[in-house]
Amino acid sequence: MGVTSSGENPTASGSEEAFSTSRWTRGNFWFPTRIVVSPLRVSRVKRRFFGSSEESISILQVASVKISTGVFWSDIVIESTGGTDPITSHGHRKGDALRIRDLVESFQVARR
C-alpha cells in the first residue's frame, strides 16, 4: 500500500509514480492492484497467479478522473475521451487518490 517511484529512465519519460491498493479491499488480498501514472500514460496493473493484466490510457486521452471516497478507502474511475471502458480501481488511500488526480492534471498541462 502506498507510493513507489520507478526510475527506469527518468530523463526520457519524466517521473513515474505507482499507487497500490490495500490488501483489505475486495479483489486485492493476494495481488493488490497498482495504478501507475507517468507523463505518457495512466496504467492499471493487476497481477494474477499466472501473469498479469494491464490497461492504459494516454495522458492526452484522459477525459476525467472521478474519486469516490468512503470511510477508509477511495474508488477511482479514469475515463478516456475515446469512449472505451474506463480504468477503475478500488481500495486506494484517500491521499493516494488525490495524488493520482493531481499527477494526471499536471502531466496533461505539461503536455499541452
N, C-alpha and C. Protein backbone atom coordinates (compact mmCIF):
# COMPACT_ATOMS: atom_id res chain seq x y z
N MET A 1 0.85 -1.16 0.00
CA MET A 1 0.00 0.00 0.00
C MET A 1 0.89 1.22 0.00
N GLY A 2 0.61 2.17 -0.85
CA GLY A 2 1.37 3.39 -0.86
C GLY A 2 1.96 3.71 -2.20
N VAL A 3 2.96 4.57 -2.19
CA VAL A 3 3.55 5.11 -3.40
C VAL A 3 4.95 4.56 -3.57
N THR A 4 5.28 4.21 -4.80
CA THR A 4 6.65 3.86 -5.12
C THR A 4 7.03 4.59 -6.39
N SER A 5 8.28 4.98 -6.48
CA SER A 5 8.77 5.63 -7.68
C SER A 5 9.55 4.64 -8.51
N SER A 6 9.42 4.74 -9.80
CA SER A 6 10.17 3.88 -10.70
C SER A 6 11.13 4.73 -11.49
N GLY A 7 12.38 4.35 -11.49
CA GLY A 7 13.37 5.15 -12.17
C GLY A 7 13.96 4.44 -13.37
N GLU A 8 13.10 3.90 -14.25
CA GLU A 8 13.59 3.18 -15.42
C GLU A 8 14.50 4.06 -16.25
N ASN A 9 14.01 5.20 -16.69
CA ASN A 9 14.79 6.17 -17.43
C ASN A 9 14.18 7.53 -17.19
N PRO A 10 14.47 8.14 -16.06
CA PRO A 10 13.78 9.36 -15.68
C PRO A 10 13.98 10.52 -16.66
N THR A 11 15.08 10.56 -17.39
CA THR A 11 15.28 11.66 -18.32
C THR A 11 14.42 11.54 -19.55
N ALA A 12 14.10 10.32 -19.96
CA ALA A 12 13.31 10.12 -21.17
C ALA A 12 11.81 10.24 -20.91
N SER A 13 11.34 9.69 -19.82
CA SER A 13 9.89 9.66 -19.59
C SER A 13 9.44 10.51 -18.41
N GLY A 14 10.33 11.20 -17.75
CA GLY A 14 9.95 12.00 -16.59
C GLY A 14 9.71 11.11 -15.39
N SER A 15 9.08 11.65 -14.40
CA SER A 15 8.85 10.87 -13.19
C SER A 15 7.62 9.98 -13.36
N GLU A 16 7.66 8.86 -12.69
CA GLU A 16 6.58 7.88 -12.71
C GLU A 16 6.29 7.50 -11.28
N GLU A 17 5.01 7.44 -10.93
CA GLU A 17 4.63 7.05 -9.58
C GLU A 17 3.63 5.92 -9.65
N ALA A 18 3.76 4.96 -8.72
CA ALA A 18 2.85 3.83 -8.64
C ALA A 18 2.12 3.86 -7.31
N PHE A 19 0.84 3.55 -7.35
CA PHE A 19 -0.02 3.58 -6.16
C PHE A 19 -0.69 2.22 -6.01
N SER A 20 -0.48 1.56 -4.89
CA SER A 20 -1.05 0.24 -4.64
C SER A 20 -2.31 0.33 -3.80
N THR A 21 -3.20 -0.61 -4.03
CA THR A 21 -4.43 -0.68 -3.24
C THR A 21 -4.14 -1.40 -1.92
N SER A 22 -5.08 -1.30 -1.03
CA SER A 22 -4.98 -2.01 0.24
C SER A 22 -5.34 -3.48 0.03
N ARG A 23 -4.66 -4.35 0.74
CA ARG A 23 -4.98 -5.78 0.68
C ARG A 23 -6.31 -6.09 1.38
N TRP A 24 -6.84 -5.16 2.13
CA TRP A 24 -8.07 -5.38 2.89
C TRP A 24 -9.32 -5.10 2.07
N THR A 25 -9.19 -4.75 0.80
CA THR A 25 -10.35 -4.46 -0.03
C THR A 25 -10.61 -5.61 -0.99
N ARG A 26 -11.83 -5.69 -1.49
CA ARG A 26 -12.23 -6.84 -2.31
C ARG A 26 -11.39 -6.96 -3.57
N GLY A 27 -10.98 -8.19 -3.84
CA GLY A 27 -10.21 -8.49 -5.04
C GLY A 27 -8.74 -8.14 -4.96
N ASN A 28 -8.27 -7.63 -3.83
CA ASN A 28 -6.89 -7.20 -3.72
C ASN A 28 -6.09 -7.95 -2.66
N PHE A 29 -6.64 -9.01 -2.09
CA PHE A 29 -5.97 -9.67 -0.98
C PHE A 29 -4.64 -10.31 -1.40
N TRP A 30 -4.67 -11.12 -2.45
CA TRP A 30 -3.44 -11.80 -2.87
C TRP A 30 -2.55 -10.91 -3.71
N PHE A 31 -3.14 -10.19 -4.64
CA PHE A 31 -2.37 -9.34 -5.55
C PHE A 31 -3.00 -7.97 -5.63
N PRO A 32 -2.51 -7.00 -4.88
CA PRO A 32 -3.08 -5.66 -4.91
C PRO A 32 -2.93 -5.02 -6.30
N THR A 33 -3.95 -4.29 -6.69
CA THR A 33 -3.93 -3.56 -7.95
C THR A 33 -3.00 -2.36 -7.82
N ARG A 34 -2.30 -2.03 -8.90
CA ARG A 34 -1.44 -0.85 -8.91
C ARG A 34 -1.89 0.10 -10.01
N ILE A 35 -1.93 1.39 -9.70
CA ILE A 35 -2.14 2.44 -10.69
C ILE A 35 -0.78 3.11 -10.88
N VAL A 36 -0.30 3.14 -12.12
CA VAL A 36 0.99 3.76 -12.43
C VAL A 36 0.71 4.98 -13.29
N VAL A 37 1.17 6.14 -12.82
CA VAL A 37 0.97 7.40 -13.53
C VAL A 37 2.33 7.90 -14.00
N SER A 38 2.45 8.10 -15.30
CA SER A 38 3.68 8.64 -15.88
C SER A 38 3.31 9.80 -16.80
N PRO A 39 4.28 10.55 -17.28
CA PRO A 39 3.96 11.67 -18.19
C PRO A 39 3.31 11.22 -19.49
N LEU A 40 3.42 9.95 -19.84
CA LEU A 40 2.86 9.45 -21.10
C LEU A 40 1.53 8.74 -20.95
N ARG A 41 1.32 8.05 -19.83
CA ARG A 41 0.10 7.23 -19.69
C ARG A 41 -0.27 6.99 -18.24
N VAL A 42 -1.51 6.53 -18.08
CA VAL A 42 -2.01 6.04 -16.79
C VAL A 42 -2.31 4.56 -17.00
N SER A 43 -1.75 3.71 -16.15
CA SER A 43 -1.92 2.27 -16.30
C SER A 43 -2.49 1.66 -15.03
N ARG A 44 -3.30 0.61 -15.22
CA ARG A 44 -3.80 -0.20 -14.12
C ARG A 44 -3.21 -1.59 -14.31
N VAL A 45 -2.43 -2.03 -13.33
CA VAL A 45 -1.76 -3.33 -13.42
C VAL A 45 -2.33 -4.24 -12.35
N LYS A 46 -2.86 -5.36 -12.78
CA LYS A 46 -3.43 -6.35 -11.86
C LYS A 46 -2.70 -7.67 -12.06
N ARG A 47 -1.91 -8.07 -11.06
CA ARG A 47 -1.19 -9.33 -11.13
C ARG A 47 -2.13 -10.49 -10.85
N ARG A 48 -1.78 -11.65 -11.37
CA ARG A 48 -2.52 -12.89 -11.13
C ARG A 48 -1.51 -13.98 -10.84
N PHE A 49 -1.97 -15.18 -10.54
CA PHE A 49 -1.06 -16.30 -10.28
C PHE A 49 -0.18 -16.56 -11.50
N PHE A 50 -0.77 -16.48 -12.68
CA PHE A 50 -0.03 -16.73 -13.91
C PHE A 50 -0.12 -15.49 -14.80
N GLY A 51 0.80 -14.56 -14.63
CA GLY A 51 0.83 -13.37 -15.46
C GLY A 51 0.17 -12.18 -14.81
N SER A 52 -0.22 -11.24 -15.64
CA SER A 52 -0.89 -10.04 -15.16
C SER A 52 -1.70 -9.44 -16.30
N SER A 53 -2.59 -8.53 -15.94
CA SER A 53 -3.34 -7.79 -16.96
C SER A 53 -3.06 -6.31 -16.75
N GLU A 54 -2.98 -5.60 -17.85
CA GLU A 54 -2.68 -4.17 -17.78
C GLU A 54 -3.57 -3.41 -18.75
N GLU A 55 -4.13 -2.31 -18.25
CA GLU A 55 -4.90 -1.39 -19.07
C GLU A 55 -4.19 -0.05 -18.99
N SER A 56 -4.17 0.68 -20.09
CA SER A 56 -3.56 2.01 -20.02
C SER A 56 -4.30 2.98 -20.93
N ILE A 57 -4.23 4.24 -20.54
CA ILE A 57 -4.81 5.34 -21.31
C ILE A 57 -3.73 6.41 -21.42
N SER A 58 -3.56 6.92 -22.62
CA SER A 58 -2.61 8.01 -22.82
C SER A 58 -3.03 9.22 -21.99
N ILE A 59 -2.05 9.93 -21.46
CA ILE A 59 -2.36 11.12 -20.65
C ILE A 59 -3.22 12.11 -21.43
N LEU A 60 -2.95 12.27 -22.72
CA LEU A 60 -3.72 13.22 -23.53
C LEU A 60 -5.13 12.73 -23.80
N GLN A 61 -5.40 11.44 -23.60
CA GLN A 61 -6.73 10.87 -23.83
C GLN A 61 -7.58 10.79 -22.57
N VAL A 62 -7.04 11.18 -21.42
CA VAL A 62 -7.80 11.12 -20.17
C VAL A 62 -8.82 12.26 -20.17
N ALA A 63 -10.09 11.90 -20.06
CA ALA A 63 -11.16 12.90 -20.04
C ALA A 63 -11.47 13.36 -18.63
N SER A 64 -11.48 12.43 -17.68
CA SER A 64 -11.80 12.81 -16.30
C SER A 64 -11.27 11.77 -15.33
N VAL A 65 -11.06 12.21 -14.11
CA VAL A 65 -10.68 11.34 -13.01
C VAL A 65 -11.73 11.53 -11.92
N LYS A 66 -12.48 10.48 -11.63
CA LYS A 66 -13.52 10.54 -10.61
C LYS A 66 -13.03 9.80 -9.37
N ILE A 67 -13.21 10.42 -8.22
CA ILE A 67 -12.83 9.82 -6.95
C ILE A 67 -14.06 9.72 -6.07
N SER A 68 -14.31 8.54 -5.58
CA SER A 68 -15.42 8.31 -4.65
C SER A 68 -14.80 7.84 -3.34
N THR A 69 -14.97 8.64 -2.29
CA THR A 69 -14.34 8.29 -1.01
C THR A 69 -15.35 7.68 -0.06
N GLY A 70 -14.88 6.69 0.66
CA GLY A 70 -15.68 6.05 1.70
C GLY A 70 -15.09 6.39 3.04
N VAL A 71 -15.40 5.59 4.03
CA VAL A 71 -14.88 5.81 5.37
C VAL A 71 -13.37 5.61 5.41
N PHE A 72 -12.90 4.54 4.78
CA PHE A 72 -11.48 4.23 4.81
C PHE A 72 -10.79 4.33 3.46
N TRP A 73 -11.47 3.89 2.40
CA TRP A 73 -10.82 3.75 1.10
C TRP A 73 -11.52 4.56 0.04
N SER A 74 -10.82 4.78 -1.06
CA SER A 74 -11.37 5.53 -2.18
C SER A 74 -11.40 4.67 -3.43
N ASP A 75 -12.41 4.90 -4.27
CA ASP A 75 -12.50 4.27 -5.58
C ASP A 75 -12.14 5.31 -6.62
N ILE A 76 -11.44 4.89 -7.67
CA ILE A 76 -11.00 5.80 -8.72
C ILE A 76 -11.52 5.29 -10.05
N VAL A 77 -12.08 6.20 -10.85
CA VAL A 77 -12.51 5.90 -12.21
C VAL A 77 -11.83 6.91 -13.13
N ILE A 78 -11.03 6.41 -14.08
CA ILE A 78 -10.33 7.27 -15.02
C ILE A 78 -10.94 7.00 -16.39
N GLU A 79 -11.64 8.01 -16.93
CA GLU A 79 -12.34 7.87 -18.21
C GLU A 79 -11.51 8.45 -19.34
N SER A 80 -11.65 7.86 -20.53
CA SER A 80 -10.91 8.34 -21.69
C SER A 80 -11.84 9.08 -22.64
N THR A 81 -11.23 9.88 -23.51
CA THR A 81 -12.01 10.62 -24.50
C THR A 81 -12.43 9.73 -25.65
N GLY A 82 -11.83 8.57 -25.78
CA GLY A 82 -12.12 7.66 -26.88
C GLY A 82 -13.36 6.83 -26.70
N GLY A 83 -14.00 6.91 -25.55
CA GLY A 83 -15.22 6.18 -25.31
C GLY A 83 -15.02 4.72 -24.93
N THR A 84 -13.78 4.31 -24.68
CA THR A 84 -13.54 2.93 -24.27
C THR A 84 -13.90 2.77 -22.80
N ASP A 85 -13.80 1.53 -22.32
CA ASP A 85 -14.08 1.27 -20.91
C ASP A 85 -13.12 2.06 -20.03
N PRO A 86 -13.61 2.65 -18.96
CA PRO A 86 -12.72 3.41 -18.07
C PRO A 86 -11.84 2.49 -17.24
N ILE A 87 -10.75 3.03 -16.74
CA ILE A 87 -9.91 2.32 -15.79
C ILE A 87 -10.53 2.52 -14.42
N THR A 88 -10.86 1.42 -13.74
CA THR A 88 -11.43 1.51 -12.40
C THR A 88 -10.55 0.77 -11.41
N SER A 89 -10.47 1.31 -10.22
CA SER A 89 -9.69 0.68 -9.16
C SER A 89 -10.30 1.07 -7.82
N HIS A 90 -10.40 0.12 -6.92
CA HIS A 90 -10.97 0.40 -5.60
C HIS A 90 -9.99 -0.03 -4.51
N GLY A 91 -10.04 0.68 -3.40
CA GLY A 91 -9.20 0.33 -2.27
C GLY A 91 -7.96 1.17 -2.10
N HIS A 92 -7.94 2.37 -2.67
CA HIS A 92 -6.79 3.27 -2.51
C HIS A 92 -6.98 4.16 -1.29
N ARG A 93 -5.87 4.58 -0.70
CA ARG A 93 -5.96 5.57 0.36
C ARG A 93 -6.43 6.89 -0.24
N LYS A 94 -7.11 7.68 0.56
CA LYS A 94 -7.66 8.95 0.07
C LYS A 94 -6.56 9.87 -0.46
N GLY A 95 -5.45 9.94 0.24
CA GLY A 95 -4.34 10.78 -0.20
C GLY A 95 -3.75 10.33 -1.51
N ASP A 96 -3.68 9.00 -1.72
CA ASP A 96 -3.18 8.47 -2.98
C ASP A 96 -4.12 8.80 -4.12
N ALA A 97 -5.42 8.70 -3.87
CA ALA A 97 -6.41 9.02 -4.92
C ALA A 97 -6.28 10.48 -5.35
N LEU A 98 -6.13 11.37 -4.39
CA LEU A 98 -5.97 12.79 -4.72
C LEU A 98 -4.66 13.04 -5.46
N ARG A 99 -3.60 12.32 -5.08
CA ARG A 99 -2.30 12.47 -5.74
C ARG A 99 -2.38 11.98 -7.19
N ILE A 100 -3.10 10.89 -7.44
CA ILE A 100 -3.29 10.38 -8.80
C ILE A 100 -3.97 11.45 -9.65
N ARG A 101 -5.05 12.03 -9.14
CA ARG A 101 -5.75 13.08 -9.88
C ARG A 101 -4.84 14.27 -10.16
N ASP A 102 -4.09 14.72 -9.16
CA ASP A 102 -3.20 15.87 -9.33
C ASP A 102 -2.09 15.57 -10.34
N LEU A 103 -1.53 14.37 -10.31
CA LEU A 103 -0.50 14.00 -11.27
C LEU A 103 -1.03 13.99 -12.70
N VAL A 104 -2.19 13.40 -12.89
CA VAL A 104 -2.78 13.35 -14.24
C VAL A 104 -3.00 14.77 -14.76
N GLU A 105 -3.57 15.62 -13.92
CA GLU A 105 -3.83 17.01 -14.35
C GLU A 105 -2.54 17.75 -14.66
N SER A 106 -1.51 17.57 -13.84
CA SER A 106 -0.26 18.29 -14.09
C SER A 106 0.46 17.76 -15.32
N PHE A 107 0.40 16.45 -15.57
CA PHE A 107 1.02 15.90 -16.79
C PHE A 107 0.27 16.35 -18.03
N GLN A 108 -1.06 16.50 -17.94
CA GLN A 108 -1.83 16.98 -19.08
C GLN A 108 -1.46 18.43 -19.40
N VAL A 109 -1.32 19.25 -18.39
CA VAL A 109 -0.95 20.66 -18.61
C VAL A 109 0.45 20.74 -19.21
N ALA A 110 1.36 19.91 -18.74
CA ALA A 110 2.74 19.94 -19.23
C ALA A 110 2.83 19.48 -20.69
N ARG A 111 1.94 18.60 -21.12
CA ARG A 111 1.98 18.08 -22.50
C ARG A 111 1.32 19.01 -23.50
N ARG A 112 0.56 20.00 -23.06
CA ARG A 112 -0.14 20.89 -23.99
C ARG A 112 0.70 22.06 -24.37
